Amino acid sequence: MLQNQIINYSGFKYLAIPVEVSVGYENDKEEIKTLLIEAASKTSGIISDNPKPYVILKGFDDFAAVYELRAYSERVNDYFRIQSDIRENIYEVFVQKHIDLTTPDIVYFNN
């Protein structure tokens, strides 16, 4: 009857909420990690300890490093709202520190 797996997230005690951010290589990676954690800590519904939010350097794009913030919440039914709130807080924290969140793209032209 069902071909796709259904996962009931409401059965978990808490749920990881990932948010990816690309930031230019000219920025200090430790400052970026600190600011991402700060943004998570300002977000309602995020657990501040056990498990604590953390940041990994996920990858390297042509013009930016890709970081992933992982924050946890016990409010699993508010996943998308909390994820959006984290993004808004990241935006605000980065604007206050004058860190540009835009990165150029490579455009290929066929002749």
PDB file of N, CA and C in Angstrom:
ATOM      1  N   MET A   1       0.833  -1.195   0.000  1.00  0.00           N
ATOM      2  CA  MET A   1       0.000   0.000   0.000  1.00  0.00           C
ATOM      3  C   MET A   1       0.869   1.247   0.000  1.00  0.00           C
ATOM      4  N   LEU A   2       1.805   1.351   0.942  1.00  0.00           N
ATOM      5  CA  LEU A   2       2.686   2.507   0.994  1.00  0.00           C
ATOM      6  C   LEU A   2       4.044   2.128   0.435  1.00  0.00           C
ATOM      7  N   GLN A   3       4.566   2.938  -0.452  1.00  0.00           N
ATOM      8  CA  GLN A   3       5.867   2.650  -1.032  1.00  0.00           C
ATOM      9  C   GLN A   3       6.983   3.421  -0.350  1.00  0.00           C
ATOM     10  N   ASN A   4       6.659   4.465   0.373  1.00  0.00           N
ATOM     11  CA  ASN A   4       7.668   5.277   1.061  1.00  0.00           C
ATOM     12  C   ASN A   4       7.624   5.004   2.556  1.00  0.00           C
ATOM     13  N   GLN A   5       8.793   5.064   3.170  1.00  0.00           N
ATOM     14  CA  GLN A   5       8.883   4.860   4.612  1.00  0.00           C
ATOM     15  C   GLN A   5       8.338   6.084   5.336  1.00  0.00           C
ATOM     16  N   ILE A   6       7.568   5.862   6.370  1.00  0.00           N
ATOM     17  CA  ILE A   6       7.029   6.952   7.191  1.00  0.00           C
ATOM     18  C   ILE A   6       7.782   6.958   8.510  1.00  0.00           C
ATOM     19  N   ILE A   7       8.276   8.146   8.882  1.00  0.00           N
ATOM     20  CA  ILE A   7       8.987   8.292  10.153  1.00  0.00           C
ATOM     21  C   ILE A   7       8.190   9.220  11.044  1.00  0.00           C
ATOM     22  N   ASN A   8       7.850   8.754  12.233  1.00  0.00           N
ATOM     23  CA  ASN A   8       7.115   9.552  13.198  1.00  0.00           C
ATOM     24  C   ASN A   8       8.116  10.224  14.129  1.00  0.00           C
ATOM     25  N   TYR A   9       8.461  11.483  13.834  1.00  0.00           N
ATOM     26  CA  TYR A   9       9.450  12.193  14.633  1.00  0.00           C
ATOM     27  C   TYR A   9       8.941  12.524  16.033  1.00  0.00           C
ATOM     28  N   SER A  10       7.642  12.539  16.236  1.00  0.00           N
ATOM     29  CA  SER A  10       7.108  12.886  17.551  1.00  0.00           C
ATOM     30  C   SER A  10       7.435  11.816  18.594  1.00  0.00           C
ATOM     31  N   GLY A  11       7.917  10.649  18.185  1.00  0.00           N
ATOM     32  CA  GLY A  11       8.286   9.610  19.119  1.00  0.00           C
ATOM     33  C   GLY A  11       9.678   9.785  19.708  1.00  0.00           C
ATOM     34  N   PHE A  12      10.467  10.705  19.152  1.00  0.00           N
ATOM     35  CA  PHE A  12      11.819  10.952  19.648  1.00  0.00           C
ATOM     36  C   PHE A  12      11.794  11.934  20.815  1.00  0.00           C
ATOM     37  N   LYS A  13      12.753  11.789  21.720  1.00  0.00           N
ATOM     38  CA  LYS A  13      12.869  12.729  22.838  1.00  0.00           C
ATOM     39  C   LYS A  13      13.257  14.105  22.334  1.00  0.00           C
ATOM     40  N   TYR A  14      14.220  14.145  21.422  1.00  0.00           N
ATOM     41  CA  TYR A  14      14.605  15.407  20.785  1.00  0.00           C
ATOM     42  C   TYR A  14      15.046  15.119  19.364  1.00  0.00           C
ATOM     43  N   LEU A  15      15.112  16.167  18.583  1.00  0.00           N
ATOM     44  CA  LEU A  15      15.400  16.042  17.162  1.00  0.00           C
ATOM     45  C   LEU A  15      16.487  17.032  16.770  1.00  0.00           C
ATOM     46  N   ALA A  16      17.447  16.572  15.973  1.00  0.00           N
ATOM     47  CA  ALA A  16      18.484  17.468  15.455  1.00  0.00           C
ATOM     48  C   ALA A  16      17.890  18.354  14.375  1.00  0.00           C
ATOM     49  N   ILE A  17      18.244  19.625  14.433  1.00  0.00           N
ATOM     50  CA  ILE A  17      17.791  20.592  13.433  1.00  0.00           C
ATOM     51  C   ILE A  17      19.037  21.142  12.741  1.00  0.00           C
ATOM     52  N   PRO A  18      19.308  20.697  11.506  1.00  0.00           N
ATOM     53  CA  PRO A  18      20.502  21.165  10.795  1.00  0.00           C
ATOM     54  C   PRO A  18      20.222  22.426   9.983  1.00  0.00           C
ATOM     55  N   VAL A  19      21.224  23.299   9.924  1.00  0.00           N
ATOM     56  CA  VAL A  19      21.156  24.488   9.077  1.00  0.00           C
ATOM     57  C   VAL A  19      22.524  24.668   8.431  1.00  0.00           C
ATOM     58  N   GLU A  20      22.553  24.740   7.097  1.00  0.00           N
ATOM     59  CA  GLU A  20      23.800  24.951   6.361  1.00  0.00           C
ATOM     60  C   GLU A  20      23.979  26.431   6.039  1.00  0.00           C
ATOM     61  N   VAL A  21      25.240  26.878   6.097  1.00  0.00           N
ATOM     62  CA  VAL A  21      25.582  28.259   5.764  1.00  0.00           C
ATOM     63  C   VAL A  21      26.882  28.242   4.969  1.00  0.00           C
ATOM     64  N   SER A  22      26.904  28.968   3.862  1.00  0.00           N
ATOM     65  CA  SER A  22      28.133  29.145   3.082  1.00  0.00           C
ATOM     66  C   SER A  22      28.691  30.522   3.375  1.00  0.00           C
ATOM     67  N   VAL A  23      29.981  30.565   3.732  1.00  0.00           N
ATOM     68  CA  VAL A  23      30.623  31.822   4.108  1.00  0.00           C
ATOM     69  C   VAL A  23      31.969  31.908   3.397  1.00  0.00           C
ATOM     70  N   GLY A  24      32.285  33.086   2.878  1.00  0.00           N
ATOM     71  CA  GLY A  24      33.531  33.286   2.140  1.00  0.00           C
ATOM     72  C   GLY A  24      34.761  32.899   2.936  1.00  0.00           C
ATOM     73  N   TYR A  25      35.793  32.472   2.203  1.00  0.00           N
ATOM     74  CA  TYR A  25      37.026  31.994   2.832  1.00  0.00           C
ATOM     75  C   TYR A  25      37.792  33.078   3.584  1.00  0.00           C
ATOM     76  N   GLU A  26      37.490  34.337   3.335  1.00  0.00           N
ATOM     77  CA  GLU A  26      38.204  35.405   4.021  1.00  0.00           C
ATOM     78  C   GLU A  26      37.817  35.541   5.491  1.00  0.00           C
ATOM     79  N   ASN A  27      36.755  34.851   5.906  1.00  0.00           N
ATOM     80  CA  ASN A  27      36.281  34.925   7.285  1.00  0.00           C
ATOM     81  C   ASN A  27      36.976  33.890   8.165  1.00  0.00           C
ATOM     82  N   ASP A  28      37.169  34.257   9.421  1.00  0.00           N
ATOM     83  CA  ASP A  28      37.803  33.378  10.402  1.00  0.00           C
ATOM     84  C   ASP A  28      36.852  32.242  10.768  1.00  0.00           C
ATOM     85  N   LYS A  29      37.296  30.993  10.577  1.00  0.00           N
ATOM     86  CA  LYS A  29      36.396  29.854  10.801  1.00  0.00           C
ATOM     87  C   LYS A  29      35.945  29.728  12.255  1.00  0.00           C
ATOM     88  N   GLU A  30      36.799  30.055  13.202  1.00  0.00           N
ATOM     89  CA  GLU A  30      36.405  29.960  14.613  1.00  0.00           C
ATOM     90  C   GLU A  30      35.341  30.998  14.952  1.00  0.00           C
ATOM     91  N   GLU A  31      35.461  32.189  14.373  1.00  0.00           N
ATOM     92  CA  GLU A  31      34.430  33.215  14.591  1.00  0.00           C
ATOM     93  C   GLU A  31      33.104  32.765  13.991  1.00  0.00           C
ATOM     94  N   ILE A  32      33.137  32.179  12.809  1.00  0.00           N
ATOM     95  CA  ILE A  32      31.914  31.701  12.169  1.00  0.00           C
ATOM     96  C   ILE A  32      31.249  30.642  13.044  1.00  0.00           C
ATOM     97  N   LYS A  33      32.023  29.697  13.540  1.00  0.00           N
ATOM     98  CA  LYS A  33      31.467  28.656  14.407  1.00  0.00           C
ATOM     99  C   LYS A  33      30.841  29.258  15.663  1.00  0.00           C
ATOM    100  N   THR A  34      31.526  30.220  16.268  1.00  0.00           N
ATOM    101  CA  THR A  34      31.018  30.879  17.473  1.00  0.00           C
ATOM    102  C   THR A  34      29.709  31.606  17.189  1.00  0.00           C
ATOM    103  N   LEU A  35      29.645  32.304  16.068  1.00  0.00           N
ATOM    104  CA  LEU A  35      28.432  33.043  15.716  1.00  0.00           C
ATOM    105  C   LEU A  35      27.254  32.108  15.429  1.00  0.00           C
ATOM    106  N   LEU A  36      27.527  30.977  14.813  1.00  0.00           N
ATOM    107  CA  LEU A  36      26.451  30.020  14.552  1.00  0.00           C
ATOM    108  C   LEU A  36      25.889  29.449  15.852  1.00  0.00           C
ATOM    109  N   ILE A  37      26.767  29.137  16.790  1.00  0.00           N
ATOM    110  CA  ILE A  37      26.316  28.658  18.105  1.00  0.00           C
ATOM    111  C   ILE A  37      25.519  29.748  18.816  1.00  0.00           C
ATOM    112  N   GLU A  38      25.994  30.991  18.705  1.00  0.00           N
ATOM    113  CA  GLU A  38      25.274  32.119  19.313  1.00  0.00           C
ATOM    114  C   GLU A  38      23.872  32.247  18.732  1.00  0.00           C
ATOM    115  N   ALA A  39      23.761  32.113  17.428  1.00  0.00           N
ATOM    116  CA  ALA A  39      22.450  32.206  16.777  1.00  0.00           C
ATOM    117  C   ALA A  39      21.523  31.102  17.272  1.00  0.00           C
ATOM    118  N   ALA A  40      22.053  29.899  17.429  1.00  0.00           N
ATOM    119  CA  ALA A  40      21.233  28.794  17.949  1.00  0.00           C
ATOM    120  C   ALA A  40      20.781  29.082  19.371  1.00  0.00           C
ATOM    121  N   SER A  41      21.677  29.633  20.185  1.00  0.00           N
ATOM    122  CA  SER A  41      21.343  29.895  21.588  1.00  0.00           C
ATOM    123  C   SER A  41      20.268  30.975  21.729  1.00  0.00           C
ATOM    124  N   LYS A  42      20.122  31.821  20.723  1.00  0.00           N
ATOM    125  CA  LYS A  42      19.092  32.870  20.746  1.00  0.00           C
ATOM    126  C   LYS A  42      17.735  32.364  20.252  1.00  0.00           C
ATOM    127  N   THR A  43      17.676  31.118  19.843  1.00  0.00           N
ATOM    128  CA  THR A  43      16.468  30.572  19.234  1.00  0.00           C
ATOM    129  C   THR A  43      15.617  29.844  20.265  1.00  0.00           C
ATOM    130  N   SER A  44      14.387  30.262  20.377  1.00  0.00           N
ATOM    131  CA  SER A  44      13.440  29.626  21.290  1.00  0.00           C
ATOM    132  C   SER A  44      13.205  28.181  20.866  1.00  0.00           C
ATOM    133  N   GLY A  45      13.272  27.274  21.836  1.00  0.00           N
ATOM    134  CA  GLY A  45      13.024  25.870  21.561  1.00  0.00           C
ATOM    135  C   GLY A  45      14.277  25.038  21.377  1.00  0.00           C
ATOM    136  N   ILE A  46      15.444  25.669  21.362  1.00  0.00           N
ATOM    137  CA  ILE A  46      16.705  24.951  21.204  1.00  0.00           C
ATOM    138  C   ILE A  46      17.250  24.565  22.573  1.00  0.00           C
ATOM    139  N   ILE A  47      17.705  23.328  22.701  1.00  0.00           N
ATOM    140  CA  ILE A  47      18.315  22.835  23.930  1.00  0.00           C
ATOM    141  C   ILE A  47      19.729  23.418  24.020  1.00  0.00           C
ATOM    142  N   SER A  48      20.072  24.019  25.150  1.00  0.00           N
ATOM    143  CA  SER A  48      21.379  24.664  25.281  1.00  0.00           C
ATOM    144  C   SER A  48      22.479  23.706  25.737  1.00  0.00           C
ATOM    145  N   ASP A  49      22.084  22.599  26.379  1.00  0.00           N
ATOM    146  CA  ASP A  49      23.089  21.622  26.798  1.00  0.00           C
ATOM    147  C   ASP A  49      22.481  20.219  26.792  1.00  0.00           C
ATOM    148  N   ASN A  50      23.338  19.265  26.555  1.00  0.00           N
ATOM    149  CA  ASN A  50      22.986  17.848  26.579  1.00  0.00           C
ATOM    150  C   ASN A  50      21.790  17.484  25.700  1.00  0.00           C
ATOM    151  N   PRO A  51      21.913  17.477  24.430  1.00  0.00           N
ATOM    152  CA  PRO A  51      23.104  17.776  23.629  1.00  0.00           C
ATOM    153  C   PRO A  51      23.202  19.254  23.276  1.00  0.00           C
ATOM    154  N   LYS A  52      24.423  19.748  23.253  1.00  0.00           N
ATOM    155  CA  LYS A  52      24.684  21.137  22.891  1.00  0.00           C
ATOM    156  C   LYS A  52      24.703  21.291  21.376  1.00  0.00           C
ATOM    157  N   PRO A  53      24.345  22.490  20.900  1.00  0.00           N
ATOM    158  CA  PRO A  53      24.522  22.751  19.471  1.00  0.00           C
ATOM    159  C   PRO A  53      26.015  22.681  19.110  1.00  0.00           C
ATOM    160  N   TYR A  54      26.310  22.258  17.905  1.00  0.00           N
ATOM    161  CA  TYR A  54      27.693  22.218  17.441  1.00  0.00           C
ATOM    162  C   TYR A  54      27.744  22.539  15.954  1.00  0.00           C
ATOM    163  N   VAL A  55      28.956  22.829  15.482  1.00  0.00           N
ATOM    164  CA  VAL A  55      29.163  23.212  14.082  1.00  0.00           C
ATOM    165  C   VAL A  55      30.245  22.333  13.488  1.00  0.00           C
ATOM    166  N   ILE A  56      30.003  21.878  12.260  1.00  0.00           N
ATOM    167  CA  ILE A  56      31.035  21.174  11.513  1.00  0.00           C
ATOM    168  C   ILE A  56      31.329  21.947  10.235  1.00  0.00           C
ATOM    169  N   LEU A  57      32.548  21.815   9.752  1.00  0.00           N
ATOM    170  CA  LEU A  57      32.916  22.347   8.445  1.00  0.00           C
ATOM    171  C   LEU A  57      32.572  21.249   7.454  1.00  0.00           C
ATOM    172  N   LYS A  58      31.486  21.442   6.733  1.00  0.00           N
ATOM    173  CA  LYS A  58      30.908  20.374   5.928  1.00  0.00           C
ATOM    174  C   LYS A  58      31.566  20.208   4.563  1.00  0.00           C
ATOM    175  N   GLY A  59      32.062  21.310   4.002  1.00  0.00           N
ATOM    176  CA  GLY A  59      32.627  21.179   2.669  1.00  0.00           C
ATOM    177  C   GLY A  59      33.218  22.475   2.176  1.00  0.00           C
ATOM    178  N   PHE A  60      33.747  22.377   0.957  1.00  0.00           N
ATOM    179  CA  PHE A  60      34.396  23.520   0.319  1.00  0.00           C
ATOM    180  C   PHE A  60      33.774  23.744  -1.050  1.00  0.00           C
ATOM    181  N   ASP A  61      33.177  24.898  -1.238  1.00  0.00           N
ATOM    182  CA  ASP A  61      32.680  25.291  -2.558  1.00  0.00           C
ATOM    183  C   ASP A  61      33.737  26.136  -3.237  1.00  0.00           C
ATOM    184  N   ASP A  62      33.443  26.583  -4.449  1.00  0.00           N
ATOM    185  CA  ASP A  62      34.423  27.366  -5.192  1.00  0.00           C
ATOM    186  C   ASP A  62      34.814  28.659  -4.484  1.00  0.00           C
ATOM    187  N   PHE A  63      33.858  29.321  -3.855  1.00  0.00           N
ATOM    188  CA  PHE A  63      34.127  30.620  -3.251  1.00  0.00           C
ATOM    189  C   PHE A  63      33.805  30.694  -1.765  1.00  0.00           C
ATOM    190  N   ALA A  64      33.398  29.586  -1.168  1.00  0.00           N
ATOM    191  CA  ALA A  64      32.966  29.634   0.235  1.00  0.00           C
ATOM    192  C   ALA A  64      33.126  28.287   0.904  1.00  0.00           C
ATOM    193  N   ALA A  65      33.320  28.353   2.210  1.00  0.00           N
ATOM    194  CA  ALA A  65      33.301  27.150   3.039  1.00  0.00           C
ATOM    195  C   ALA A  65      31.855  26.906   3.469  1.00  0.00           C
ATOM    196  N   VAL A  66      31.474  25.648   3.558  1.00  0.00           N
ATOM    197  CA  VAL A  66      30.110  25.286   3.946  1.00  0.00           C
ATOM    198  C   VAL A  66      30.145  24.737   5.369  1.00  0.00           C
ATOM    199  N   TYR A  67      29.421  25.410   6.258  1.00  0.00           N
ATOM    200  CA  TYR A  67      29.324  25.010   7.658  1.00  0.00           C
ATOM    201  C   TYR A  67      27.939  24.428   7.896  1.00  0.00           C
ATOM    202  N   GLU A  68      27.858  23.483   8.811  1.00  0.00           N
ATOM    203  CA  GLU A  68      26.552  22.983   9.221  1.00  0.00           C
ATOM    204  C   GLU A  68      26.418  23.107  10.727  1.00  0.00           C
ATOM    205  N   LEU A  69      25.396  23.840  11.133  1.00  0.00           N
ATOM    206  CA  LEU A  69      25.022  23.956  12.538  1.00  0.00           C
ATOM    207  C   LEU A  69      24.027  22.848  12.832  1.00  0.00           C
ATOM    208  N   ARG A  70      24.256  22.139  13.922  1.00  0.00           N
ATOM    209  CA  ARG A  70      23.304  21.137  14.404  1.00  0.00           C
ATOM    210  C   ARG A  70      22.853  21.566  15.786  1.00  0.00           C
ATOM    211  N   ALA A  71      21.576  21.862  15.901  1.00  0.00           N
ATOM    212  CA  ALA A  71      20.993  22.232  17.188  1.00  0.00           C
ATOM    213  C   ALA A  71      19.857  21.253  17.463  1.00  0.00           C
ATOM    214  N   TYR A  72      19.528  21.092  18.719  1.00  0.00           N
ATOM    215  CA  TYR A  72      18.537  20.095  19.111  1.00  0.00           C
ATOM    216  C   TYR A  72      17.357  20.736  19.814  1.00  0.00           C
ATOM    217  N   SER A  73      16.192  20.131  19.604  1.00  0.00           N
ATOM    218  CA  SER A  73      14.978  20.631  20.233  1.00  0.00           C
ATOM    219  C   SER A  73      14.128  19.463  20.716  1.00  0.00           C
ATOM    220  N   GLU A  74      13.430  19.692  21.804  1.00  0.00           N
ATOM    221  CA  GLU A  74      12.449  18.724  22.293  1.00  0.00           C
ATOM    222  C   GLU A  74      11.083  18.973  21.661  1.00  0.00           C
ATOM    223  N   ARG A  75      10.965  20.084  20.961  1.00  0.00           N
ATOM    224  CA  ARG A  75       9.694  20.450  20.326  1.00  0.00           C
ATOM    225  C   ARG A  75       9.708  19.971  18.875  1.00  0.00           C
ATOM    226  N   VAL A  76       9.650  18.655  18.706  1.00  0.00           N
ATOM    227  CA  VAL A  76       9.819  18.060  17.379  1.00  0.00           C
ATOM    228  C   VAL A  76       8.726  18.460  16.397  1.00  0.00           C
ATOM    229  N   ASN A  77       7.555  18.798  16.886  1.00  0.00           N
ATOM    230  CA  ASN A  77       6.467  19.200  15.991  1.00  0.00           C
ATOM    231  C   ASN A  77       6.638  20.623  15.457  1.00  0.00           C
ATOM    232  N   ASP A  78       7.608  21.362  16.007  1.00  0.00           N
ATOM    233  CA  ASP A  78       7.884  22.731  15.547  1.00  0.00           C
ATOM    234  C   ASP A  78       9.156  22.797  14.706  1.00  0.00           C
ATOM    235  N   TYR A  79       9.584  21.657  14.160  1.00  0.00           N
ATOM    236  CA  TYR A  79      10.856  21.545  13.439  1.00  0.00           C
ATOM    237  C   TYR A  79      11.076  22.670  12.426  1.00  0.00           C
ATOM    238  N   PHE A  80      10.160  22.848  11.491  1.00  0.00           N
ATOM    239  CA  PHE A  80      10.359  23.814  10.412  1.00  0.00           C
ATOM    240  C   PHE A  80      10.351  25.256  10.911  1.00  0.00           C
ATOM    241  N   ARG A  81       9.502  25.557  11.888  1.00  0.00           N
ATOM    242  CA  ARG A  81       9.481  26.913  12.439  1.00  0.00           C
ATOM    243  C   ARG A  81      10.785  27.209  13.162  1.00  0.00           C
ATOM    244  N   ILE A  82      11.259  26.265  13.961  1.00  0.00           N
ATOM    245  CA  ILE A  82      12.510  26.470  14.696  1.00  0.00           C
ATOM    246  C   ILE A  82      13.682  26.591  13.727  1.00  0.00           C
ATOM    247  N   GLN A  83      13.696  25.769  12.683  1.00  0.00           N
ATOM    248  CA  GLN A  83      14.758  25.855  11.685  1.00  0.00           C
ATOM    249  C   GLN A  83      14.749  27.235  11.025  1.00  0.00           C
ATOM    250  N   SER A  84      13.589  27.751  10.707  1.00  0.00           N
ATOM    251  CA  SER A  84      13.464  29.089  10.135  1.00  0.00           C
ATOM    252  C   SER A  84      13.929  30.155  11.127  1.00  0.00           C
ATOM    253  N   ASP A  85      13.568  30.010  12.397  1.00  0.00           N
ATOM    254  CA  ASP A  85      13.998  30.964  13.426  1.00  0.00           C
ATOM    255  C   ASP A  85      15.520  30.971  13.576  1.00  0.00           C
ATOM    256  N   ILE A  86      16.134  29.799  13.503  1.00  0.00           N
ATOM    257  CA  ILE A  86      17.601  29.741  13.553  1.00  0.00           C
ATOM    258  C   ILE A  86      18.195  30.509  12.380  1.00  0.00           C
ATOM    259  N   ARG A  87      17.650  30.313  11.184  1.00  0.00           N
ATOM    260  CA  ARG A  87      18.152  31.031   9.998  1.00  0.00           C
ATOM    261  C   ARG A  87      18.027  32.540  10.182  1.00  0.00           C
ATOM    262  N   GLU A  88      16.899  32.984  10.723  1.00  0.00           N
ATOM    263  CA  GLU A  88      16.731  34.422  10.968  1.00  0.00           C
ATOM    264  C   GLU A  88      17.768  34.932  11.968  1.00  0.00           C
ATOM    265  N   ASN A  89      18.024  34.162  13.011  1.00  0.00           N
ATOM    266  CA  ASN A  89      19.025  34.575  14.003  1.00  0.00           C
ATOM    267  C   ASN A  89      20.431  34.561  13.418  1.00  0.00           C
ATOM    268  N   ILE A  90      20.727  33.602  12.559  1.00  0.00           N
ATOM    269  CA  ILE A  90      22.025  33.593  11.869  1.00  0.00           C
ATOM    270  C   ILE A  90      22.169  34.857  11.038  1.00  0.00           C
ATOM    271  N   TYR A  91      21.142  35.176  10.285  1.00  0.00           N
ATOM    272  CA  TYR A  91      21.171  36.378   9.446  1.00  0.00           C
ATOM    273  C   TYR A  91      21.447  37.621  10.300  1.00  0.00           C
ATOM    274  N   GLU A  92      20.722  37.764  11.403  1.00  0.00           N
ATOM    275  CA  GLU A  92      20.883  38.940  12.262  1.00  0.00           C
ATOM    276  C   GLU A  92      22.280  39.015  12.874  1.00  0.00           C
ATOM    277  N   VAL A  93      22.797  37.897  13.371  1.00  0.00           N
ATOM    278  CA  VAL A  93      24.124  37.873  13.989  1.00  0.00           C
ATOM    279  C   VAL A  93      25.202  38.198  12.958  1.00  0.00           C
ATOM    280  N   PHE A  94      25.079  37.652  11.757  1.00  0.00           N
ATOM    281  CA  PHE A  94      26.078  37.905  10.725  1.00  0.00           C
ATOM    282  C   PHE A  94      26.022  39.357  10.237  1.00  0.00           C
ATOM    283  N   VAL A  95      24.831  39.918  10.106  1.00  0.00           N
ATOM    284  CA  VAL A  95      24.700  41.326   9.704  1.00  0.00           C
ATOM    285  C   VAL A  95      25.343  42.226  10.747  1.00  0.00           C
ATOM    286  N   GLN A  96      25.123  41.943  12.042  1.00  0.00           N
ATOM    287  CA  GLN A  96      25.721  42.750  13.110  1.00  0.00           C
ATOM    288  C   GLN A  96      27.240  42.729  13.047  1.00  0.00           C
ATOM    289  N   LYS A  97      27.814  41.612  12.622  1.00  0.00           N
ATOM    290  CA  LYS A  97      29.273  41.476  12.536  1.00  0.00           C
ATOM    291  C   LYS A  97      29.809  41.819  11.139  1.00  0.00           C
ATOM    292  N   HIS A  98      28.919  42.294  10.261  1.00  0.00           N
ATOM    293  CA  HIS A  98      29.289  42.677   8.890  1.00  0.00           C
ATOM    294  C   HIS A  98      29.915  41.520   8.115  1.00  0.00           C
ATOM    295  N   ILE A  99      29.357  40.331   8.302  1.00  0.00           N
ATOM    296  CA  ILE A  99      29.812  39.155   7.568  1.00  0.00           C
ATOM    297  C   ILE A  99      28.821  38.897   6.432  1.00  0.00           C
ATOM    298  N   ASP A 100      29.354  38.887   5.228  1.00  0.00           N
ATOM    299  CA  ASP A 100      28.551  38.740   4.018  1.00  0.00           C
ATOM    300  C   ASP A 100      28.154  37.277   3.816  1.00  0.00           C
ATOM    301  N   LEU A 101      26.870  37.047   3.653  1.00  0.00           N
ATOM    302  CA  LEU A 101      26.370  35.696   3.409  1.00  0.00           C
ATOM    303  C   LEU A 101      26.197  35.393   1.923  1.00  0.00           C
ATOM    304  N   THR A 102      26.539  36.339   1.080  1.00  0.00           N
ATOM    305  CA  THR A 102      26.427  36.079  -0.353  1.00  0.00           C
ATOM    306  C   THR A 102      27.743  35.532  -0.885  1.00  0.00           C
ATOM    307  N   THR A 103      27.638  34.593  -1.793  1.00  0.00           N
ATOM    308  CA  THR A 103      28.820  34.051  -2.446  1.00  0.00           C
ATOM    309  C   THR A 103      28.537  33.982  -3.938  1.00  0.00           C
ATOM    310  N   PRO A 104      29.537  34.285  -4.756  1.00  0.00           N
ATOM    311  CA  PRO A 104      29.308  34.240  -6.213  1.00  0.00           C
ATOM    312  C   PRO A 104      29.135  32.808  -6.708  1.00  0.00           C
ATOM    313  N   ASP A 105      28.507  32.683  -7.848  1.00  0.00           N
ATOM    314  CA  ASP A 105      28.369  31.401  -8.517  1.00  0.00           C
ATOM    315  C   ASP A 105      29.164  31.421  -9.811  1.00  0.00           C
ATOM    316  N   ILE A 106      29.601  30.276 -10.234  1.00  0.00           N
ATOM    317  CA  ILE A 106      30.256  30.166 -11.537  1.00  0.00           C
ATOM    318  C   ILE A 106      29.168  29.934 -12.574  1.00  0.00           C
ATOM    319  N   VAL A 107      29.196  30.730 -13.622  1.00  0.00           N
ATOM    320  CA  VAL A 107      28.238  30.579 -14.704  1.00  0.00           C
ATOM    321  C   VAL A 107      28.993  30.127 -15.945  1.00  0.00           C
ATOM    322  N   TYR A 108      28.552  29.040 -16.537  1.00  0.00           N
ATOM    323  CA  TYR A 108      29.183  28.511 -17.737  1.00  0.00           C
ATOM    324  C   TYR A 108      28.352  28.895 -18.949  1.00  0.00           C
ATOM    325  N   PHE A 109      29.029  29.391 -19.964  1.00  0.00           N
ATOM    326  CA  PHE A 109      28.365  29.760 -21.202  1.00  0.00           C
ATOM    327  C   PHE A 109      28.795  28.807 -22.301  1.00  0.00           C
ATOM    328  N   ASN A 110      27.860  28.325 -23.064  1.00  0.00           N
ATOM    329  CA  ASN A 110      28.171  27.486 -24.220  1.00  0.00           C
ATOM    330  C   ASN A 110      28.253  28.370 -25.452  1.00  0.00           C
ATOM    331  N   ASN A 111      29.320  28.258 -26.183  1.00  0.00           N
ATOM    332  CA  ASN A 111      29.464  29.060 -27.414  1.00  0.00           C
ATOM    333  C   ASN A 111      29.050  28.279 -28.610  1.00  0.00           C
TER     334      ASN A 111
END
